[in-house]
Amino acid sequence: MTAFEVFVHDDRYSVPTLHLISAADDRDARETADALLRASPHHLGVELWRDGDQIAALGACAARQRSLGGPYLRVVK
């Protein structure tokens, strides 16, 4: 199992909420991050990180990175 950090951006709070998760691989971690995004209508976006590298940005986080011209999602196969 690998440790991942998930930052959930919630419209009720001024800073993202940190979730520490363990997953078998990047794909499983992304599925967990996606489930966290869908868990509440207040969740606007999530960032998925592993060892200081961003693996994915979902929801509003993905839209923000696209508007800035940065990579917003690494496809996990």
PDB file of N, CA and C in Angstrom:
ATOM      1  N   MET A   1       0.837  -1.177   0.000  1.00  0.00           N
ATOM      2  CA  MET A   1       0.000   0.000   0.000  1.00  0.00           C
ATOM      3  C   MET A   1       0.888   1.249   0.000  1.00  0.00           C
ATOM      4  N   THR A   2       0.398   2.262  -0.668  1.00  0.00           N
ATOM      5  CA  THR A   2       1.116   3.527  -0.775  1.00  0.00           C
ATOM      6  C   THR A   2       0.297   4.620  -0.109  1.00  0.00           C
ATOM      7  N   ALA A   3       0.973   5.559   0.541  1.00  0.00           N
ATOM      8  CA  ALA A   3       0.305   6.681   1.206  1.00  0.00           C
ATOM      9  C   ALA A   3       0.091   7.818   0.206  1.00  0.00           C
ATOM     10  N   PHE A   4      -1.072   8.428   0.269  1.00  0.00           N
ATOM     11  CA  PHE A   4      -1.441   9.558  -0.577  1.00  0.00           C
ATOM     12  C   PHE A   4      -2.058  10.642   0.300  1.00  0.00           C
ATOM     13  N   GLU A   5      -1.951  11.887  -0.168  1.00  0.00           N
ATOM     14  CA  GLU A   5      -2.617  13.004   0.474  1.00  0.00           C
ATOM     15  C   GLU A   5      -3.719  13.487  -0.472  1.00  0.00           C
ATOM     16  N   VAL A   6      -4.893  13.724   0.082  1.00  0.00           N
ATOM     17  CA  VAL A   6      -6.011  14.271  -0.694  1.00  0.00           C
ATOM     18  C   VAL A   6      -6.434  15.566  -0.014  1.00  0.00           C
ATOM     19  N   PHE A   7      -6.397  16.653  -0.770  1.00  0.00           N
ATOM     20  CA  PHE A   7      -6.847  17.946  -0.272  1.00  0.00           C
ATOM     21  C   PHE A   7      -8.224  18.215  -0.864  1.00  0.00           C
ATOM     22  N   VAL A   8      -9.231  18.326   0.012  1.00  0.00           N
ATOM     23  CA  VAL A   8     -10.605  18.560  -0.421  1.00  0.00           C
ATOM     24  C   VAL A   8     -10.925  20.039  -0.238  1.00  0.00           C
ATOM     25  N   HIS A   9     -11.275  20.700  -1.326  1.00  0.00           N
ATOM     26  CA  HIS A   9     -11.681  22.106  -1.303  1.00  0.00           C
ATOM     27  C   HIS A   9     -13.189  22.141  -1.103  1.00  0.00           C
ATOM     28  N   ASP A  10     -13.601  22.760  -0.003  1.00  0.00           N
ATOM     29  CA  ASP A  10     -14.987  22.759   0.441  1.00  0.00           C
ATOM     30  C   ASP A  10     -15.451  24.210   0.553  1.00  0.00           C
ATOM     31  N   ASP A  11     -16.634  24.514   0.033  1.00  0.00           N
ATOM     32  CA  ASP A  11     -17.099  25.904   0.046  1.00  0.00           C
ATOM     33  C   ASP A  11     -17.426  26.426   1.449  1.00  0.00           C
ATOM     34  N   ARG A  12     -17.396  25.572   2.450  1.00  0.00           N
ATOM     35  CA  ARG A  12     -17.676  26.004   3.821  1.00  0.00           C
ATOM     36  C   ARG A  12     -16.428  26.431   4.579  1.00  0.00           C
ATOM     37  N   TYR A  13     -15.252  26.145   4.021  1.00  0.00           N
ATOM     38  CA  TYR A  13     -14.004  26.399   4.738  1.00  0.00           C
ATOM     39  C   TYR A  13     -13.047  27.209   3.864  1.00  0.00           C
ATOM     40  N   SER A  14     -12.153  27.945   4.535  1.00  0.00           N
ATOM     41  CA  SER A  14     -11.214  28.790   3.785  1.00  0.00           C
ATOM     42  C   SER A  14      -9.956  28.044   3.358  1.00  0.00           C
ATOM     43  N   VAL A  15      -9.684  26.897   3.957  1.00  0.00           N
ATOM     44  CA  VAL A  15      -8.522  26.098   3.579  1.00  0.00           C
ATOM     45  C   VAL A  15      -8.971  24.670   3.261  1.00  0.00           C
ATOM     46  N   PRO A  16      -8.264  23.976   2.394  1.00  0.00           N
ATOM     47  CA  PRO A  16      -8.637  22.594   2.069  1.00  0.00           C
ATOM     48  C   PRO A  16      -8.492  21.669   3.276  1.00  0.00           C
ATOM     49  N   THR A  17      -9.307  20.639   3.287  1.00  0.00           N
ATOM     50  CA  THR A  17      -9.238  19.609   4.314  1.00  0.00           C
ATOM     51  C   THR A  17      -8.318  18.496   3.830  1.00  0.00           C
ATOM     52  N   LEU A  18      -7.389  18.096   4.681  1.00  0.00           N
ATOM     53  CA  LEU A  18      -6.428  17.052   4.334  1.00  0.00           C
ATOM     54  C   LEU A  18      -6.963  15.692   4.743  1.00  0.00           C
ATOM     55  N   HIS A  19      -6.953  14.748   3.797  1.00  0.00           N
ATOM     56  CA  HIS A  19      -7.269  13.348   4.066  1.00  0.00           C
ATOM     57  C   HIS A  19      -6.025  12.539   3.717  1.00  0.00           C
ATOM     58  N   LEU A  20      -5.597  11.683   4.624  1.00  0.00           N
ATOM     59  CA  LEU A  20      -4.497  10.766   4.353  1.00  0.00           C
ATOM     60  C   LEU A  20      -5.103   9.412   4.031  1.00  0.00           C
ATOM     61  N   ILE A  21      -4.751   8.875   2.867  1.00  0.00           N
ATOM     62  CA  ILE A  21      -5.316   7.592   2.451  1.00  0.00           C
ATOM     63  C   ILE A  21      -4.201   6.637   2.057  1.00  0.00           C
ATOM     64  N   SER A  22      -4.509   5.360   2.077  1.00  0.00           N
ATOM     65  CA  SER A  22      -3.616   4.321   1.567  1.00  0.00           C
ATOM     66  C   SER A  22      -4.322   3.642   0.423  1.00  0.00           C
ATOM     67  N   ALA A  23      -3.582   3.391  -0.639  1.00  0.00           N
ATOM     68  CA  ALA A  23      -4.158   2.730  -1.804  1.00  0.00           C
ATOM     69  C   ALA A  23      -3.097   1.852  -2.451  1.00  0.00           C
ATOM     70  N   ALA A  24      -3.564   0.862  -3.197  1.00  0.00           N
ATOM     71  CA  ALA A  24      -2.645  -0.071  -3.855  1.00  0.00           C
ATOM     72  C   ALA A  24      -1.845   0.607  -4.960  1.00  0.00           C
ATOM     73  N   ASP A  25      -2.473   1.571  -5.645  1.00  0.00           N
ATOM     74  CA  ASP A  25      -1.795   2.255  -6.751  1.00  0.00           C
ATOM     75  C   ASP A  25      -2.474   3.595  -7.015  1.00  0.00           C
ATOM     76  N   ASP A  26      -1.948   4.332  -8.012  1.00  0.00           N
ATOM     77  CA  ASP A  26      -2.483   5.645  -8.346  1.00  0.00           C
ATOM     78  C   ASP A  26      -3.951   5.574  -8.759  1.00  0.00           C
ATOM     79  N   ARG A  27      -4.305   4.546  -9.485  1.00  0.00           N
ATOM     80  CA  ARG A  27      -5.689   4.413  -9.955  1.00  0.00           C
ATOM     81  C   ARG A  27      -6.658   4.277  -8.781  1.00  0.00           C
ATOM     82  N   ASP A  28      -6.340   3.421  -7.834  1.00  0.00           N
ATOM     83  CA  ASP A  28      -7.208   3.254  -6.664  1.00  0.00           C
ATOM     84  C   ASP A  28      -7.283   4.545  -5.848  1.00  0.00           C
ATOM     85  N   ALA A  29      -6.169   5.237  -5.737  1.00  0.00           N
ATOM     86  CA  ALA A  29      -6.158   6.501  -5.009  1.00  0.00           C
ATOM     87  C   ALA A  29      -7.027   7.536  -5.705  1.00  0.00           C
ATOM     88  N   ARG A  30      -6.973   7.563  -7.029  1.00  0.00           N
ATOM     89  CA  ARG A  30      -7.800   8.510  -7.784  1.00  0.00           C
ATOM     90  C   ARG A  30      -9.278   8.191  -7.605  1.00  0.00           C
ATOM     91  N   GLU A  31      -9.626   6.923  -7.573  1.00  0.00           N
ATOM     92  CA  GLU A  31     -11.025   6.539  -7.347  1.00  0.00           C
ATOM     93  C   GLU A  31     -11.498   7.000  -5.969  1.00  0.00           C
ATOM     94  N   THR A  32     -10.637   6.886  -4.969  1.00  0.00           N
ATOM     95  CA  THR A  32     -10.980   7.352  -3.631  1.00  0.00           C
ATOM     96  C   THR A  32     -11.135   8.870  -3.623  1.00  0.00           C
ATOM     97  N   ALA A  33     -10.232   9.577  -4.295  1.00  0.00           N
ATOM     98  CA  ALA A  33     -10.319  11.034  -4.378  1.00  0.00           C
ATOM     99  C   ALA A  33     -11.603  11.455  -5.084  1.00  0.00           C
ATOM    100  N   ASP A  34     -11.963  10.754  -6.139  1.00  0.00           N
ATOM    101  CA  ASP A  34     -13.203  11.054  -6.857  1.00  0.00           C
ATOM    102  C   ASP A  34     -14.417  10.813  -5.956  1.00  0.00           C
ATOM    103  N   ALA A  35     -14.382   9.762  -5.162  1.00  0.00           N
ATOM    104  CA  ALA A  35     -15.484   9.486  -4.233  1.00  0.00           C
ATOM    105  C   ALA A  35     -15.599  10.597  -3.187  1.00  0.00           C
ATOM    106  N   LEU A  36     -14.466  11.109  -2.715  1.00  0.00           N
ATOM    107  CA  LEU A  36     -14.502  12.227  -1.768  1.00  0.00           C
ATOM    108  C   LEU A  36     -15.108  13.468  -2.416  1.00  0.00           C
ATOM    109  N   LEU A  37     -14.776  13.716  -3.665  1.00  0.00           N
ATOM    110  CA  LEU A  37     -15.342  14.860  -4.379  1.00  0.00           C
ATOM    111  C   LEU A  37     -16.863  14.734  -4.466  1.00  0.00           C
ATOM    112  N   ARG A  38     -17.347  13.547  -4.764  1.00  0.00           N
ATOM    113  CA  ARG A  38     -18.784  13.326  -4.940  1.00  0.00           C
ATOM    114  C   ARG A  38     -19.531  13.150  -3.616  1.00  0.00           C
ATOM    115  N   ALA A  39     -18.811  13.062  -2.494  1.00  0.00           N
ATOM    116  CA  ALA A  39     -19.436  12.787  -1.203  1.00  0.00           C
ATOM    117  C   ALA A  39     -20.319  13.924  -0.686  1.00  0.00           C
ATOM    118  N   SER A  40     -20.089  15.135  -1.156  1.00  0.00           N
ATOM    119  CA  SER A  40     -20.865  16.279  -0.668  1.00  0.00           C
ATOM    120  C   SER A  40     -20.966  17.338  -1.757  1.00  0.00           C
ATOM    121  N   PRO A  41     -22.115  17.979  -1.866  1.00  0.00           N
ATOM    122  CA  PRO A  41     -22.223  19.084  -2.831  1.00  0.00           C
ATOM    123  C   PRO A  41     -21.341  20.274  -2.448  1.00  0.00           C
ATOM    124  N   HIS A  42     -20.857  20.293  -1.218  1.00  0.00           N
ATOM    125  CA  HIS A  42     -19.958  21.365  -0.775  1.00  0.00           C
ATOM    126  C   HIS A  42     -18.525  21.154  -1.250  1.00  0.00           C
ATOM    127  N   HIS A  43     -18.210  19.947  -1.653  1.00  0.00           N
ATOM    128  CA  HIS A  43     -16.853  19.654  -2.132  1.00  0.00           C
ATOM    129  C   HIS A  43     -16.719  20.159  -3.561  1.00  0.00           C
ATOM    130  N   LEU A  44     -15.903  21.168  -3.739  1.00  0.00           N
ATOM    131  CA  LEU A  44     -15.750  21.814  -5.042  1.00  0.00           C
ATOM    132  C   LEU A  44     -14.664  21.176  -5.894  1.00  0.00           C
ATOM    133  N   GLY A  45     -13.635  20.674  -5.247  1.00  0.00           N
ATOM    134  CA  GLY A  45     -12.530  20.072  -5.981  1.00  0.00           C
ATOM    135  C   GLY A  45     -11.630  19.304  -5.037  1.00  0.00           C
ATOM    136  N   VAL A  46     -10.814  18.432  -5.610  1.00  0.00           N
ATOM    137  CA  VAL A  46      -9.834  17.686  -4.819  1.00  0.00           C
ATOM    138  C   VAL A  46      -8.505  17.654  -5.549  1.00  0.00           C
ATOM    139  N   GLU A  47      -7.446  17.615  -4.763  1.00  0.00           N
ATOM    140  CA  GLU A  47      -6.096  17.430  -5.280  1.00  0.00           C
ATOM    141  C   GLU A  47      -5.566  16.132  -4.685  1.00  0.00           C
ATOM    142  N   LEU A  48      -4.948  15.314  -5.516  1.00  0.00           N
ATOM    143  CA  LEU A  48      -4.366  14.049  -5.079  1.00  0.00           C
ATOM    144  C   LEU A  48      -2.855  14.139  -5.223  1.00  0.00           C
ATOM    145  N   TRP A  49      -2.136  13.867  -4.124  1.00  0.00           N
ATOM    146  CA  TRP A  49      -0.682  13.977  -4.090  1.00  0.00           C
ATOM    147  C   TRP A  49      -0.065  12.697  -3.548  1.00  0.00           C
ATOM    148  N   ARG A  50       1.135  12.394  -4.047  1.00  0.00           N
ATOM    149  CA  ARG A  50       1.935  11.276  -3.540  1.00  0.00           C
ATOM    150  C   ARG A  50       3.391  11.717  -3.521  1.00  0.00           C
ATOM    151  N   ASP A  51       4.028  11.648  -2.376  1.00  0.00           N
ATOM    152  CA  ASP A  51       5.455  12.001  -2.229  1.00  0.00           C
ATOM    153  C   ASP A  51       5.797  13.367  -2.811  1.00  0.00           C
ATOM    154  N   GLY A  52       4.931  14.346  -2.592  1.00  0.00           N
ATOM    155  CA  GLY A  52       5.200  15.702  -3.060  1.00  0.00           C
ATOM    156  C   GLY A  52       4.882  15.965  -4.517  1.00  0.00           C
ATOM    157  N   ASP A  53       4.362  14.965  -5.230  1.00  0.00           N
ATOM    158  CA  ASP A  53       3.980  15.138  -6.633  1.00  0.00           C
ATOM    159  C   ASP A  53       2.464  15.077  -6.761  1.00  0.00           C
ATOM    160  N   GLN A  54       1.918  16.037  -7.487  1.00  0.00           N
ATOM    161  CA  GLN A  54       0.470  16.007  -7.706  1.00  0.00           C
ATOM    162  C   GLN A  54       0.145  14.944  -8.752  1.00  0.00           C
ATOM    163  N   ILE A  55      -0.761  14.054  -8.392  1.00  0.00           N
ATOM    164  CA  ILE A  55      -1.170  12.961  -9.266  1.00  0.00           C
ATOM    165  C   ILE A  55      -2.384  13.354 -10.083  1.00  0.00           C
ATOM    166  N   ALA A  56      -3.324  14.063  -9.442  1.00  0.00           N
ATOM    167  CA  ALA A  56      -4.555  14.453 -10.140  1.00  0.00           C
ATOM    168  C   ALA A  56      -5.173  15.655  -9.454  1.00  0.00           C
ATOM    169  N   ALA A  57      -5.942  16.392 -10.222  1.00  0.00           N
ATOM    170  CA  ALA A  57      -6.788  17.471  -9.714  1.00  0.00           C
ATOM    171  C   ALA A  57      -8.156  17.252 -10.341  1.00  0.00           C
ATOM    172  N   LEU A  58      -9.168  17.255  -9.510  1.00  0.00           N
ATOM    173  CA  LEU A  58     -10.523  16.961  -9.974  1.00  0.00           C
ATOM    174  C   LEU A  58     -11.457  18.108  -9.616  1.00  0.00           C
ATOM    175  N   GLY A  59     -12.551  18.219 -10.349  1.00  0.00           N
ATOM    176  CA  GLY A  59     -13.535  19.257 -10.074  1.00  0.00           C
ATOM    177  C   GLY A  59     -12.972  20.635 -10.353  1.00  0.00           C
ATOM    178  N   ALA A  60     -13.253  21.566  -9.441  1.00  0.00           N
ATOM    179  CA  ALA A  60     -12.813  22.953  -9.618  1.00  0.00           C
ATOM    180  C   ALA A  60     -11.298  23.068  -9.676  1.00  0.00           C
ATOM    181  N   CYS A  61     -10.596  22.162  -9.020  1.00  0.00           N
ATOM    182  CA  CYS A  61      -9.124  22.202  -9.055  1.00  0.00           C
ATOM    183  C   CYS A  61      -8.611  21.920 -10.461  1.00  0.00           C
ATOM    184  N   ALA A  62      -9.250  21.006 -11.156  1.00  0.00           N
ATOM    185  CA  ALA A  62      -8.860  20.700 -12.535  1.00  0.00           C
ATOM    186  C   ALA A  62      -9.141  21.889 -13.434  1.00  0.00           C
ATOM    187  N   ALA A  63     -10.302  22.506 -13.260  1.00  0.00           N
ATOM    188  CA  ALA A  63     -10.664  23.660 -14.079  1.00  0.00           C
ATOM    189  C   ALA A  63      -9.693  24.813 -13.852  1.00  0.00           C
ATOM    190  N   ARG A  64      -9.289  25.011 -12.610  1.00  0.00           N
ATOM    191  CA  ARG A  64      -8.346  26.088 -12.294  1.00  0.00           C
ATOM    192  C   ARG A  64      -7.000  25.836 -12.960  1.00  0.00           C
ATOM    193  N   GLN A  65      -6.504  24.618 -12.881  1.00  0.00           N
ATOM    194  CA  GLN A  65      -5.206  24.324 -13.482  1.00  0.00           C
ATOM    195  C   GLN A  65      -5.261  24.445 -15.000  1.00  0.00           C
ATOM    196  N   ARG A  66      -6.381  24.055 -15.604  1.00  0.00           N
ATOM    197  CA  ARG A  66      -6.517  24.223 -17.061  1.00  0.00           C
ATOM    198  C   ARG A  66      -6.445  25.688 -17.433  1.00  0.00           C
ATOM    199  N   SER A  67      -7.107  26.545 -16.646  1.00  0.00           N
ATOM    200  CA  SER A  67      -7.118  27.969 -16.959  1.00  0.00           C
ATOM    201  C   SER A  67      -5.739  28.589 -16.796  1.00  0.00           C
ATOM    202  N   LEU A  68      -4.907  27.982 -15.940  1.00  0.00           N
ATOM    203  CA  LEU A  68      -3.545  28.478 -15.740  1.00  0.00           C
ATOM    204  C   LEU A  68      -2.557  27.858 -16.722  1.00  0.00           C
ATOM    205  N   GLY A  69      -3.031  26.911 -17.538  1.00  0.00           N
ATOM    206  CA  GLY A  69      -2.180  26.277 -18.534  1.00  0.00           C
ATOM    207  C   GLY A  69      -1.318  25.155 -18.005  1.00  0.00           C
ATOM    208  N   GLY A  70      -1.579  24.724 -16.780  1.00  0.00           N
ATOM    209  CA  GLY A  70      -0.761  23.674 -16.181  1.00  0.00           C
ATOM    210  C   GLY A  70      -1.357  22.300 -16.380  1.00  0.00           C
ATOM    211  N   PRO A  71      -0.589  21.288 -16.057  1.00  0.00           N
ATOM    212  CA  PRO A  71      -1.123  19.932 -16.130  1.00  0.00           C
ATOM    213  C   PRO A  71      -2.168  19.759 -15.041  1.00  0.00           C
ATOM    214  N   TYR A  72      -3.322  19.254 -15.395  1.00  0.00           N
ATOM    215  CA  TYR A  72      -4.379  19.143 -14.414  1.00  0.00           C
ATOM    216  C   TYR A  72      -4.735  17.705 -14.106  1.00  0.00           C
ATOM    217  N   LEU A  73      -4.247  16.772 -14.880  1.00  0.00           N
ATOM    218  CA  LEU A  73      -4.559  15.389 -14.591  1.00  0.00           C
ATOM    219  C   LEU A  73      -3.555  14.501 -15.305  1.00  0.00           C
ATOM    220  N   ARG A  74      -2.956  13.633 -14.556  1.00  0.00           N
ATOM    221  CA  ARG A  74      -2.102  12.638 -15.163  1.00  0.00           C
ATOM    222  C   ARG A  74      -2.943  11.384 -15.300  1.00  0.00           C
ATOM    223  N   VAL A  75      -3.032  10.876 -16.506  1.00  0.00           N
ATOM    224  CA  VAL A  75      -3.846   9.702 -16.753  1.00  0.00           C
ATOM    225  C   VAL A  75      -3.179   8.495 -16.139  1.00  0.00           C
ATOM    226  N   VAL A  76      -3.928   7.768 -15.337  1.00  0.00           N
ATOM    227  CA  VAL A  76      -3.416   6.589 -14.672  1.00  0.00           C
ATOM    228  C   VAL A  76      -3.991   5.362 -15.391  1.00  0.00           C
ATOM    229  N   LYS A  77      -3.117   4.504 -15.860  1.00  0.00           N
ATOM    230  CA  LYS A  77      -3.564   3.313 -16.582  1.00  0.00           C
ATOM    231  C   LYS A  77      -3.403   2.076 -15.758  1.00  0.00           C
TER     232      LYS A  77
END
